[in-house]
Amino acid sequence: MSDKNRSYSGLFLTPGAGSNRNHSTLCHLEKLLHPLPVERFDFQYRKQGKHFPAPVSNLVSEVKDAVEKMSKKHGIESQDLILGGRSMGGRVCSMAVAEGLPAAGLILICYPLHPAKKPETLRVDHFPSIQVPCLFISGDKDEFGTPEEFSQHLPKISGPVTTLYIEGKRHDLKGADERIGQAAIEWLNQL
């Protein structure tokens, strides 16, 4: 990962709603990308011991503030960072980028296209405002969005989209950290 010509200089990663910055997937990505700066972020509600997320607008503000702090800490412009994470965390990062937070790209693992068993409640209104390269990684049995559902909605994204559906896996992608890491490295190397 020492290529000086790459189009990104660090990663900012967020966990899903029921997890924290120490989720195995986020830790694995940080290890793979060392010595590149990687920030694994915890939302305030988790730090406060709460189990339910704050309103999504608050979470988007938290991400914007944390990305700004990471930029200052490492001397990296926001537009040189890859943002993303698991499930809700990735969704929040994608919303922040859609609202104008500069980024080099998005890695969205288990993106929650809709709540489980509520396919009519889509979380795609911001997709047309995403203009950066995106990597979506999900299980092909994910109850928060099937490959068929993603194929209907991902074309709304203006930036280039890459997808990986891991066979037989559900929303937790249990045991798939190696495969996720491999896909992320391959995608990052093509940016």
N, C-alpha and C. Protein backbone atom coordinates (compact mmCIF):
# COMPACT_ATOMS: atom_id res chain seq x y z
N MET A 1 0.82 -1.19 0.00
CA MET A 1 0.00 0.00 0.00
C MET A 1 0.87 1.26 0.00
N SER A 2 2.09 1.18 -0.50
CA SER A 2 2.98 2.33 -0.46
C SER A 2 2.98 3.11 -1.76
N ASP A 3 2.07 2.83 -2.66
CA ASP A 3 2.01 3.52 -3.95
C ASP A 3 1.71 5.00 -3.76
N LYS A 4 2.68 5.84 -4.14
CA LYS A 4 2.52 7.28 -3.95
C LYS A 4 1.52 7.88 -4.95
N ASN A 5 1.16 7.15 -6.00
CA ASN A 5 0.26 7.66 -7.03
C ASN A 5 -1.20 7.34 -6.77
N ARG A 6 -1.51 6.69 -5.67
CA ARG A 6 -2.90 6.34 -5.41
C ARG A 6 -3.73 7.62 -5.22
N SER A 7 -5.04 7.48 -5.44
CA SER A 7 -5.93 8.64 -5.40
C SER A 7 -6.58 8.83 -4.04
N TYR A 8 -6.05 8.21 -3.00
CA TYR A 8 -6.57 8.36 -1.65
C TYR A 8 -5.40 8.28 -0.68
N SER A 9 -5.59 8.85 0.52
CA SER A 9 -4.50 8.91 1.50
C SER A 9 -4.86 8.33 2.86
N GLY A 10 -6.10 7.84 3.01
CA GLY A 10 -6.51 7.27 4.29
C GLY A 10 -7.95 6.81 4.22
N LEU A 11 -8.37 6.10 5.28
CA LEU A 11 -9.74 5.60 5.38
C LEU A 11 -10.37 6.02 6.68
N PHE A 12 -11.66 6.33 6.61
CA PHE A 12 -12.47 6.64 7.78
C PHE A 12 -13.60 5.62 7.80
N LEU A 13 -13.65 4.78 8.85
CA LEU A 13 -14.58 3.65 8.89
C LEU A 13 -15.51 3.72 10.10
N THR A 14 -16.77 3.38 9.86
CA THR A 14 -17.82 3.47 10.88
C THR A 14 -18.50 2.11 11.05
N PRO A 15 -18.97 1.81 12.26
CA PRO A 15 -19.63 0.53 12.52
C PRO A 15 -21.12 0.57 12.24
N GLY A 16 -21.73 -0.60 12.27
CA GLY A 16 -23.18 -0.71 12.20
C GLY A 16 -23.82 -0.28 13.50
N ALA A 17 -25.16 -0.20 13.51
CA ALA A 17 -25.91 0.33 14.65
C ALA A 17 -25.66 -0.44 15.95
N GLY A 18 -25.48 -1.74 15.87
CA GLY A 18 -25.34 -2.54 17.08
C GLY A 18 -23.91 -2.88 17.43
N SER A 19 -22.96 -2.21 16.80
CA SER A 19 -21.55 -2.56 17.02
C SER A 19 -20.76 -1.31 17.38
N ASN A 20 -19.44 -1.45 17.36
CA ASN A 20 -18.57 -0.32 17.65
C ASN A 20 -17.32 -0.39 16.77
N ARG A 21 -16.41 0.51 17.02
CA ARG A 21 -15.21 0.66 16.19
C ARG A 21 -14.33 -0.58 16.19
N ASN A 22 -14.56 -1.48 17.14
CA ASN A 22 -13.74 -2.69 17.24
C ASN A 22 -14.33 -3.88 16.50
N HIS A 23 -15.31 -3.65 15.64
CA HIS A 23 -15.87 -4.75 14.84
C HIS A 23 -14.74 -5.39 14.04
N SER A 24 -14.78 -6.70 13.92
CA SER A 24 -13.67 -7.44 13.29
C SER A 24 -13.40 -6.99 11.86
N THR A 25 -14.44 -6.65 11.11
CA THR A 25 -14.23 -6.22 9.72
C THR A 25 -13.45 -4.92 9.66
N LEU A 26 -13.81 -3.96 10.51
CA LEU A 26 -13.11 -2.67 10.51
C LEU A 26 -11.66 -2.84 10.95
N CYS A 27 -11.44 -3.66 11.97
CA CYS A 27 -10.07 -3.92 12.44
C CYS A 27 -9.24 -4.62 11.36
N HIS A 28 -9.87 -5.55 10.64
CA HIS A 28 -9.16 -6.27 9.58
C HIS A 28 -8.75 -5.32 8.46
N LEU A 29 -9.64 -4.41 8.08
CA LEU A 29 -9.31 -3.44 7.04
C LEU A 29 -8.16 -2.54 7.47
N GLU A 30 -8.19 -2.10 8.73
CA GLU A 30 -7.09 -1.26 9.22
C GLU A 30 -5.77 -2.01 9.15
N LYS A 31 -5.78 -3.26 9.57
CA LYS A 31 -4.55 -4.07 9.56
C LYS A 31 -4.02 -4.24 8.13
N LEU A 32 -4.93 -4.52 7.19
CA LEU A 32 -4.53 -4.70 5.79
C LEU A 32 -3.91 -3.44 5.19
N LEU A 33 -4.41 -2.29 5.61
CA LEU A 33 -4.00 -1.03 4.99
C LEU A 33 -2.82 -0.35 5.69
N HIS A 34 -2.38 -0.90 6.82
CA HIS A 34 -1.23 -0.34 7.53
C HIS A 34 -0.05 -0.21 6.59
N PRO A 35 0.66 0.91 6.58
CA PRO A 35 0.68 2.02 7.52
C PRO A 35 -0.22 3.21 7.12
N LEU A 36 -1.09 3.02 6.16
CA LEU A 36 -2.01 4.09 5.76
C LEU A 36 -2.87 4.51 6.97
N PRO A 37 -3.10 5.81 7.15
CA PRO A 37 -3.96 6.24 8.26
C PRO A 37 -5.38 5.69 8.10
N VAL A 38 -5.87 5.01 9.15
CA VAL A 38 -7.24 4.50 9.19
C VAL A 38 -7.83 4.90 10.52
N GLU A 39 -8.96 5.57 10.46
CA GLU A 39 -9.68 5.96 11.68
C GLU A 39 -10.93 5.09 11.79
N ARG A 40 -11.04 4.33 12.89
CA ARG A 40 -12.25 3.56 13.18
C ARG A 40 -13.04 4.37 14.20
N PHE A 41 -14.23 4.77 13.83
CA PHE A 41 -15.01 5.76 14.57
C PHE A 41 -16.13 5.12 15.37
N ASP A 42 -16.38 5.65 16.57
CA ASP A 42 -17.54 5.26 17.38
C ASP A 42 -18.51 6.44 17.45
N PHE A 43 -19.78 6.18 17.19
CA PHE A 43 -20.80 7.21 17.34
C PHE A 43 -21.01 7.51 18.82
N GLN A 44 -21.44 8.73 19.12
CA GLN A 44 -21.62 9.18 20.50
C GLN A 44 -22.59 8.29 21.29
N TYR A 45 -23.67 7.86 20.66
CA TYR A 45 -24.64 7.06 21.41
C TYR A 45 -24.02 5.77 21.93
N ARG A 46 -23.07 5.21 21.18
CA ARG A 46 -22.39 3.99 21.64
C ARG A 46 -21.44 4.33 22.79
N LYS A 47 -20.73 5.44 22.67
CA LYS A 47 -19.82 5.85 23.74
C LYS A 47 -20.58 6.11 25.04
N GLN A 48 -21.84 6.55 24.91
CA GLN A 48 -22.67 6.85 26.08
C GLN A 48 -23.39 5.60 26.60
N GLY A 49 -23.15 4.44 25.98
CA GLY A 49 -23.74 3.20 26.44
C GLY A 49 -25.17 3.00 26.00
N LYS A 50 -25.63 3.81 25.07
CA LYS A 50 -27.00 3.67 24.57
C LYS A 50 -27.03 2.61 23.47
N HIS A 51 -28.17 1.95 23.33
CA HIS A 51 -28.29 0.88 22.34
C HIS A 51 -28.96 1.32 21.05
N PHE A 52 -29.63 2.48 21.09
CA PHE A 52 -30.34 2.93 19.89
C PHE A 52 -29.70 4.19 19.35
N PRO A 53 -29.52 4.26 18.03
CA PRO A 53 -28.86 5.41 17.43
C PRO A 53 -29.62 6.71 17.62
N ALA A 54 -28.87 7.79 17.59
CA ALA A 54 -29.45 9.13 17.54
C ALA A 54 -30.11 9.31 16.16
N PRO A 55 -30.90 10.37 15.98
CA PRO A 55 -31.47 10.63 14.64
C PRO A 55 -30.35 10.69 13.59
N VAL A 56 -30.67 10.22 12.40
CA VAL A 56 -29.63 10.09 11.36
C VAL A 56 -28.97 11.42 11.04
N SER A 57 -29.70 12.53 11.13
CA SER A 57 -29.10 13.85 10.87
C SER A 57 -27.99 14.14 11.88
N ASN A 58 -28.18 13.72 13.14
CA ASN A 58 -27.13 13.89 14.16
C ASN A 58 -25.91 13.03 13.81
N LEU A 59 -26.16 11.81 13.34
CA LEU A 59 -25.06 10.91 12.99
C LEU A 59 -24.26 11.46 11.82
N VAL A 60 -24.95 12.03 10.84
CA VAL A 60 -24.27 12.64 9.70
C VAL A 60 -23.37 13.78 10.17
N SER A 61 -23.87 14.61 11.10
CA SER A 61 -23.06 15.70 11.65
C SER A 61 -21.84 15.18 12.38
N GLU A 62 -22.02 14.09 13.12
CA GLU A 62 -20.88 13.48 13.82
C GLU A 62 -19.81 13.03 12.84
N VAL A 63 -20.24 12.41 11.74
CA VAL A 63 -19.27 11.95 10.73
C VAL A 63 -18.54 13.13 10.13
N LYS A 64 -19.27 14.17 9.77
CA LYS A 64 -18.61 15.36 9.19
C LYS A 64 -17.56 15.93 10.14
N ASP A 65 -17.92 16.05 11.42
CA ASP A 65 -16.98 16.58 12.41
C ASP A 65 -15.77 15.66 12.58
N ALA A 66 -16.01 14.35 12.64
CA ALA A 66 -14.92 13.40 12.84
C ALA A 66 -13.98 13.35 11.64
N VAL A 67 -14.53 13.45 10.44
CA VAL A 67 -13.68 13.48 9.24
C VAL A 67 -12.81 14.73 9.24
N GLU A 68 -13.40 15.85 9.65
CA GLU A 68 -12.62 17.09 9.74
C GLU A 68 -11.47 16.94 10.74
N LYS A 69 -11.75 16.31 11.89
CA LYS A 69 -10.70 16.09 12.90
C LYS A 69 -9.62 15.15 12.36
N MET A 70 -10.03 14.09 11.66
CA MET A 70 -9.04 13.17 11.09
C MET A 70 -8.18 13.89 10.06
N SER A 71 -8.81 14.72 9.25
CA SER A 71 -8.08 15.48 8.23
C SER A 71 -7.00 16.34 8.87
N LYS A 72 -7.36 17.06 9.92
CA LYS A 72 -6.40 17.93 10.61
C LYS A 72 -5.30 17.11 11.28
N LYS A 73 -5.71 16.02 11.93
CA LYS A 73 -4.76 15.19 12.68
C LYS A 73 -3.66 14.63 11.76
N HIS A 74 -4.05 14.17 10.56
CA HIS A 74 -3.09 13.52 9.67
C HIS A 74 -2.63 14.41 8.51
N GLY A 75 -3.14 15.64 8.44
CA GLY A 75 -2.77 16.53 7.34
C GLY A 75 -3.25 16.00 6.00
N ILE A 76 -4.45 15.41 6.01
CA ILE A 76 -5.04 14.83 4.80
C ILE A 76 -6.32 15.58 4.49
N GLU A 77 -6.48 16.03 3.27
CA GLU A 77 -7.73 16.68 2.87
C GLU A 77 -8.85 15.65 2.84
N SER A 78 -10.05 16.08 3.19
CA SER A 78 -11.21 15.19 3.19
C SER A 78 -11.40 14.50 1.84
N GLN A 79 -11.16 15.22 0.75
CA GLN A 79 -11.35 14.62 -0.58
C GLN A 79 -10.33 13.53 -0.90
N ASP A 80 -9.34 13.35 -0.03
CA ASP A 80 -8.35 12.29 -0.20
C ASP A 80 -8.62 11.09 0.70
N LEU A 81 -9.77 11.09 1.37
CA LEU A 81 -10.13 9.99 2.26
C LEU A 81 -11.22 9.12 1.63
N ILE A 82 -11.11 7.82 1.85
CA ILE A 82 -12.19 6.89 1.54
C ILE A 82 -13.03 6.80 2.81
N LEU A 83 -14.32 6.96 2.69
CA LEU A 83 -15.22 6.89 3.84
C LEU A 83 -16.09 5.64 3.71
N GLY A 84 -16.63 5.19 4.83
CA GLY A 84 -17.56 4.07 4.75
C GLY A 84 -17.61 3.27 6.02
N GLY A 85 -18.06 2.04 5.86
CA GLY A 85 -18.18 1.16 7.01
C GLY A 85 -19.31 0.18 6.81
N ARG A 86 -19.76 -0.36 7.94
CA ARG A 86 -20.77 -1.41 7.92
C ARG A 86 -22.16 -0.84 8.12
N SER A 87 -23.10 -1.35 7.37
CA SER A 87 -24.53 -1.14 7.57
C SER A 87 -24.86 0.34 7.82
N MET A 88 -25.42 0.66 8.99
CA MET A 88 -25.82 2.03 9.28
C MET A 88 -24.65 3.01 9.15
N GLY A 89 -23.47 2.61 9.60
CA GLY A 89 -22.32 3.49 9.52
C GLY A 89 -21.98 3.87 8.09
N GLY A 90 -22.02 2.88 7.19
CA GLY A 90 -21.78 3.18 5.79
C GLY A 90 -22.85 4.07 5.20
N ARG A 91 -24.11 3.79 5.58
CA ARG A 91 -25.22 4.63 5.10
C ARG A 91 -25.01 6.08 5.52
N VAL A 92 -24.63 6.30 6.79
CA VAL A 92 -24.41 7.65 7.29
C VAL A 92 -23.28 8.33 6.51
N CYS A 93 -22.20 7.61 6.25
CA CYS A 93 -21.10 8.19 5.46
C CYS A 93 -21.58 8.56 4.05
N SER A 94 -22.39 7.68 3.45
CA SER A 94 -22.88 7.98 2.11
C SER A 94 -23.78 9.20 2.11
N MET A 95 -24.55 9.40 3.17
CA MET A 95 -25.41 10.58 3.28
C MET A 95 -24.57 11.84 3.46
N ALA A 96 -23.50 11.75 4.27
CA ALA A 96 -22.62 12.90 4.46
C ALA A 96 -21.98 13.31 3.13
N VAL A 97 -21.54 12.33 2.35
CA VAL A 97 -20.95 12.62 1.04
C VAL A 97 -22.00 13.21 0.10
N ALA A 98 -23.21 12.66 0.12
CA ALA A 98 -24.29 13.19 -0.72
C ALA A 98 -24.62 14.64 -0.35
N GLU A 99 -24.41 14.99 0.92
CA GLU A 99 -24.66 16.36 1.39
C GLU A 99 -23.48 17.29 1.12
N GLY A 100 -22.43 16.77 0.52
CA GLY A 100 -21.32 17.64 0.12
C GLY A 100 -20.00 17.41 0.81
N LEU A 101 -19.92 16.44 1.74
CA LEU A 101 -18.62 16.15 2.36
C LEU A 101 -17.70 15.56 1.31
N PRO A 102 -16.57 16.21 1.00
CA PRO A 102 -15.68 15.67 -0.03
C PRO A 102 -15.08 14.34 0.40
N ALA A 103 -14.93 13.42 -0.56
CA ALA A 103 -14.33 12.12 -0.30
C ALA A 103 -13.78 11.56 -1.60
N ALA A 104 -12.82 10.64 -1.47
CA ALA A 104 -12.25 9.98 -2.65
C ALA A 104 -13.09 8.79 -3.09
N GLY A 105 -13.95 8.29 -2.18
CA GLY A 105 -14.79 7.15 -2.51
C GLY A 105 -15.49 6.64 -1.26
N LEU A 106 -16.36 5.65 -1.46
CA LEU A 106 -17.14 5.06 -0.37
C LEU A 106 -17.02 3.53 -0.41
N ILE A 107 -16.75 2.93 0.74
CA ILE A 107 -16.82 1.47 0.90
C ILE A 107 -18.02 1.19 1.78
N LEU A 108 -19.03 0.55 1.22
CA LEU A 108 -20.31 0.33 1.92
C LEU A 108 -20.54 -1.16 2.09
N ILE A 109 -20.30 -1.64 3.30
CA ILE A 109 -20.40 -3.06 3.62
C ILE A 109 -21.77 -3.31 4.26
N CYS A 110 -22.54 -4.22 3.67
CA CYS A 110 -23.89 -4.54 4.18
C CYS A 110 -24.77 -3.29 4.20
N TYR A 111 -24.72 -2.49 3.15
CA TYR A 111 -25.54 -1.28 3.11
C TYR A 111 -27.00 -1.66 3.35
N PRO A 112 -27.68 -0.99 4.31
CA PRO A 112 -29.08 -1.32 4.60
C PRO A 112 -30.03 -0.60 3.63
N LEU A 113 -30.26 -1.21 2.50
CA LEU A 113 -31.11 -0.62 1.47
C LEU A 113 -32.50 -0.30 2.01
N HIS A 114 -32.95 -1.13 2.94
CA HIS A 114 -34.23 -0.93 3.63
C HIS A 114 -34.16 -1.70 4.94
N PRO A 115 -35.04 -1.40 5.90
CA PRO A 115 -35.06 -2.22 7.12
C PRO A 115 -35.45 -3.66 6.78
N ALA A 116 -35.03 -4.60 7.62
CA ALA A 116 -35.37 -6.00 7.39
C ALA A 116 -36.89 -6.16 7.32
N LYS A 117 -37.34 -6.91 6.32
CA LYS A 117 -38.75 -7.22 6.10
C LYS A 117 -39.61 -5.99 5.80
N LYS A 118 -38.97 -4.87 5.41
CA LYS A 118 -39.71 -3.66 5.03
C LYS A 118 -39.14 -3.10 3.72
N PRO A 119 -39.23 -3.87 2.63
CA PRO A 119 -38.62 -3.43 1.37
C PRO A 119 -39.22 -2.15 0.80
N GLU A 120 -40.39 -1.76 1.29
CA GLU A 120 -41.01 -0.54 0.80
C GLU A 120 -40.40 0.72 1.42
N THR A 121 -39.64 0.56 2.51
CA THR A 121 -39.03 1.70 3.21
C THR A 121 -37.58 1.85 2.74
N LEU A 122 -37.42 2.39 1.56
CA LEU A 122 -36.09 2.46 0.94
C LEU A 122 -35.26 3.61 1.50
N ARG A 123 -33.94 3.39 1.50
CA ARG A 123 -32.98 4.39 1.98
C ARG A 123 -32.07 4.78 0.82
N VAL A 124 -32.69 5.31 -0.22
CA VAL A 124 -31.95 5.59 -1.47
C VAL A 124 -32.16 7.02 -1.98
N ASP A 125 -32.90 7.85 -1.25
CA ASP A 125 -33.21 9.20 -1.76
C ASP A 125 -31.96 10.01 -2.06
N HIS A 126 -30.88 9.77 -1.33
CA HIS A 126 -29.65 10.54 -1.52
C HIS A 126 -28.74 9.97 -2.60
N PHE A 127 -29.05 8.81 -3.14
CA PHE A 127 -28.18 8.16 -4.12
C PHE A 127 -27.82 9.07 -5.31
N PRO A 128 -28.76 9.80 -5.91
CA PRO A 128 -28.39 10.63 -7.07
C PRO A 128 -27.34 11.70 -6.76
N SER A 129 -27.17 12.06 -5.50
CA SER A 129 -26.18 13.08 -5.13
C SER A 129 -24.80 12.50 -4.82
N ILE A 130 -24.65 11.19 -4.91
CA ILE A 130 -23.34 10.55 -4.69
C ILE A 130 -22.60 10.50 -6.01
N GLN A 131 -21.46 11.19 -6.07
CA GLN A 131 -20.71 11.30 -7.33
C GLN A 131 -19.32 10.69 -7.25
N VAL A 132 -19.03 9.98 -6.16
CA VAL A 132 -17.70 9.37 -5.99
C VAL A 132 -17.77 7.88 -6.28
N PRO A 133 -16.64 7.23 -6.54
CA PRO A 133 -16.64 5.77 -6.71
C PRO A 133 -17.14 5.07 -5.45
N CYS A 134 -17.94 4.03 -5.64
CA CYS A 134 -18.52 3.29 -4.51
C CYS A 134 -18.27 1.80 -4.67
N LEU A 135 -17.94 1.16 -3.55
CA LEU A 135 -17.85 -0.30 -3.47
C LEU A 135 -18.92 -0.77 -2.51
N PHE A 136 -19.86 -1.57 -3.00
CA PHE A 136 -20.89 -2.18 -2.17
C PHE A 136 -20.56 -3.66 -2.00
N ILE A 137 -20.47 -4.11 -0.74
CA ILE A 137 -20.23 -5.52 -0.43
C ILE A 137 -21.37 -6.00 0.46
N SER A 138 -22.09 -7.02 0.02
CA SER A 138 -23.20 -7.57 0.81
C SER A 138 -23.26 -9.08 0.62
N GLY A 139 -23.95 -9.72 1.54
CA GLY A 139 -24.26 -11.13 1.35
C GLY A 139 -25.42 -11.28 0.38
N ASP A 140 -25.43 -12.36 -0.39
CA ASP A 140 -26.53 -12.53 -1.34
C ASP A 140 -27.84 -12.94 -0.66
N LYS A 141 -27.78 -13.17 0.65
CA LYS A 141 -28.98 -13.50 1.43
C LYS A 141 -29.28 -12.41 2.46
N ASP A 142 -28.75 -11.21 2.25
CA ASP A 142 -28.92 -10.10 3.20
C ASP A 142 -30.37 -9.66 3.24
N GLU A 143 -30.96 -9.69 4.44
CA GLU A 143 -32.36 -9.32 4.59
C GLU A 143 -32.60 -7.81 4.52
N PHE A 144 -31.51 -7.02 4.43
CA PHE A 144 -31.63 -5.56 4.31
C PHE A 144 -31.47 -5.11 2.85
N GLY A 145 -31.37 -6.05 1.93
CA GLY A 145 -31.25 -5.73 0.51
C GLY A 145 -30.68 -6.89 -0.27
N THR A 146 -31.43 -7.36 -1.25
CA THR A 146 -30.98 -8.47 -2.09
C THR A 146 -30.21 -7.92 -3.29
N PRO A 147 -29.42 -8.77 -3.94
CA PRO A 147 -28.75 -8.32 -5.17
C PRO A 147 -29.74 -7.75 -6.19
N GLU A 148 -30.91 -8.35 -6.29
CA GLU A 148 -31.92 -7.87 -7.25
C GLU A 148 -32.39 -6.47 -6.87
N GLU A 149 -32.59 -6.24 -5.57
CA GLU A 149 -33.02 -4.90 -5.13
C GLU A 149 -31.91 -3.87 -5.38
N PHE A 150 -30.67 -4.25 -5.08
CA PHE A 150 -29.57 -3.33 -5.35
C PHE A 150 -29.49 -2.98 -6.83
N SER A 151 -29.70 -3.97 -7.69
CA SER A 151 -29.59 -3.71 -9.14
C SER A 151 -30.62 -2.70 -9.61
N GLN A 152 -31.74 -2.58 -8.90
CA GLN A 152 -32.76 -1.60 -9.25
C GLN A 152 -32.37 -0.18 -8.83
N HIS A 153 -31.61 -0.05 -7.74
CA HIS A 153 -31.39 1.27 -7.14
C HIS A 153 -29.98 1.83 -7.31
N LEU A 154 -28.98 0.98 -7.47
CA LEU A 154 -27.61 1.49 -7.59
C LEU A 154 -27.39 2.34 -8.84
N PRO A 155 -28.12 2.12 -9.94
CA PRO A 155 -27.93 3.00 -11.10
C PRO A 155 -28.26 4.46 -10.84
N LYS A 156 -28.92 4.77 -9.73
CA LYS A 156 -29.22 6.16 -9.38
C LYS A 156 -27.97 6.92 -8.94
N ILE A 157 -26.92 6.18 -8.55
CA ILE A 157 -25.67 6.81 -8.11
C ILE A 157 -24.90 7.32 -9.32
N SER A 158 -24.45 8.58 -9.24
CA SER A 158 -23.75 9.20 -10.37
C SER A 158 -22.34 8.66 -10.55
N GLY A 159 -21.67 8.34 -9.43
CA GLY A 159 -20.29 7.85 -9.51
C GLY A 159 -20.25 6.40 -9.92
N PRO A 160 -19.05 5.90 -10.28
CA PRO A 160 -18.91 4.48 -10.66
C PRO A 160 -19.16 3.56 -9.47
N VAL A 161 -19.91 2.49 -9.70
CA VAL A 161 -20.30 1.57 -8.63
C VAL A 161 -19.75 0.17 -8.93
N THR A 162 -19.12 -0.42 -7.92
CA THR A 162 -18.65 -1.80 -7.98
C THR A 162 -19.41 -2.58 -6.90
N THR A 163 -19.84 -3.79 -7.22
CA THR A 163 -20.58 -4.60 -6.24
C THR A 163 -19.92 -5.97 -6.07
N LEU A 164 -20.06 -6.49 -4.86
CA LEU A 164 -19.67 -7.86 -4.56
C LEU A 164 -20.74 -8.45 -3.67
N TYR A 165 -21.33 -9.56 -4.09
CA TYR A 165 -22.31 -10.27 -3.29
C TYR A 165 -21.69 -11.60 -2.89
N ILE A 166 -21.51 -11.79 -1.59
CA ILE A 166 -20.84 -12.98 -1.08
C ILE A 166 -21.88 -14.09 -0.89
N GLU A 167 -21.63 -15.19 -1.56
CA GLU A 167 -22.60 -16.28 -1.64
C GLU A 167 -22.91 -16.88 -0.27
N GLY A 168 -24.21 -17.05 -0.01
CA GLY A 168 -24.67 -17.71 1.19
C GLY A 168 -24.61 -16.88 2.46
N LYS A 169 -24.21 -15.62 2.35
CA LYS A 169 -24.04 -14.79 3.56
C LYS A 169 -25.23 -13.86 3.77
N ARG A 170 -25.51 -13.65 5.06
CA ARG A 170 -26.59 -12.75 5.46
C ARG A 170 -26.00 -11.39 5.85
N HIS A 171 -26.77 -10.57 6.56
CA HIS A 171 -26.37 -9.20 6.87
C HIS A 171 -25.11 -9.13 7.73
N ASP A 172 -24.86 -10.12 8.57
CA ASP A 172 -23.68 -10.04 9.44
C ASP A 172 -22.37 -10.38 8.72
N LEU A 173 -22.46 -10.99 7.54
CA LEU A 173 -21.27 -11.41 6.79
C LEU A 173 -20.27 -12.15 7.68
N LYS A 174 -20.78 -12.93 8.59
CA LYS A 174 -19.94 -13.66 9.56
C LYS A 174 -18.91 -14.52 8.83
N GLY A 175 -17.67 -14.39 9.27
CA GLY A 175 -16.59 -15.19 8.71
C GLY A 175 -16.08 -14.73 7.36
N ALA A 176 -16.50 -13.55 6.93
CA ALA A 176 -16.12 -13.08 5.57
C ALA A 176 -15.11 -11.95 5.58
N ASP A 177 -14.46 -11.69 6.71
CA ASP A 177 -13.52 -10.56 6.77
C ASP A 177 -12.41 -10.65 5.72
N GLU A 178 -11.87 -11.85 5.51
CA GLU A 178 -10.80 -12.02 4.51
C GLU A 178 -11.30 -11.65 3.12
N ARG A 179 -12.48 -12.12 2.77
CA ARG A 179 -13.06 -11.84 1.44
C ARG A 179 -13.37 -10.36 1.29
N ILE A 180 -13.89 -9.74 2.34
CA ILE A 180 -14.18 -8.30 2.31
C ILE A 180 -12.88 -7.52 2.13
N GLY A 181 -11.86 -7.90 2.89
CA GLY A 181 -10.58 -7.21 2.79
C GLY A 181 -9.98 -7.34 1.40
N GLN A 182 -10.04 -8.54 0.84
CA GLN A 182 -9.52 -8.77 -0.51
C GLN A 182 -10.23 -7.89 -1.53
N ALA A 183 -11.57 -7.84 -1.43
CA ALA A 183 -12.36 -7.03 -2.37
C ALA A 183 -12.03 -5.55 -2.22
N ALA A 184 -11.88 -5.10 -0.97
CA ALA A 184 -11.56 -3.69 -0.73
C ALA A 184 -10.20 -3.33 -1.30
N ILE A 185 -9.20 -4.18 -1.09
CA ILE A 185 -7.86 -3.90 -1.62
C ILE A 185 -7.89 -3.88 -3.15
N GLU A 186 -8.56 -4.83 -3.77
CA GLU A 186 -8.64 -4.85 -5.23
C GLU A 186 -9.29 -3.58 -5.76
N TRP A 187 -10.36 -3.15 -5.11
CA TRP A 187 -11.07 -1.94 -5.54
C TRP A 187 -10.21 -0.70 -5.33
N LEU A 188 -9.57 -0.61 -4.15
CA LEU A 188 -8.72 0.54 -3.88
C LEU A 188 -7.56 0.64 -4.86
N ASN A 189 -7.01 -0.50 -5.25
CA ASN A 189 -5.89 -0.51 -6.20
C ASN A 189 -6.30 -0.04 -7.60
N GLN A 190 -7.59 -0.05 -7.88
CA GLN A 190 -8.06 0.39 -9.19
C GLN A 190 -8.46 1.86 -9.23
N LEU A 191 -8.49 2.51 -8.06
CA LEU A 191 -8.89 3.92 -8.03
C LEU A 191 -7.82 4.81 -8.64
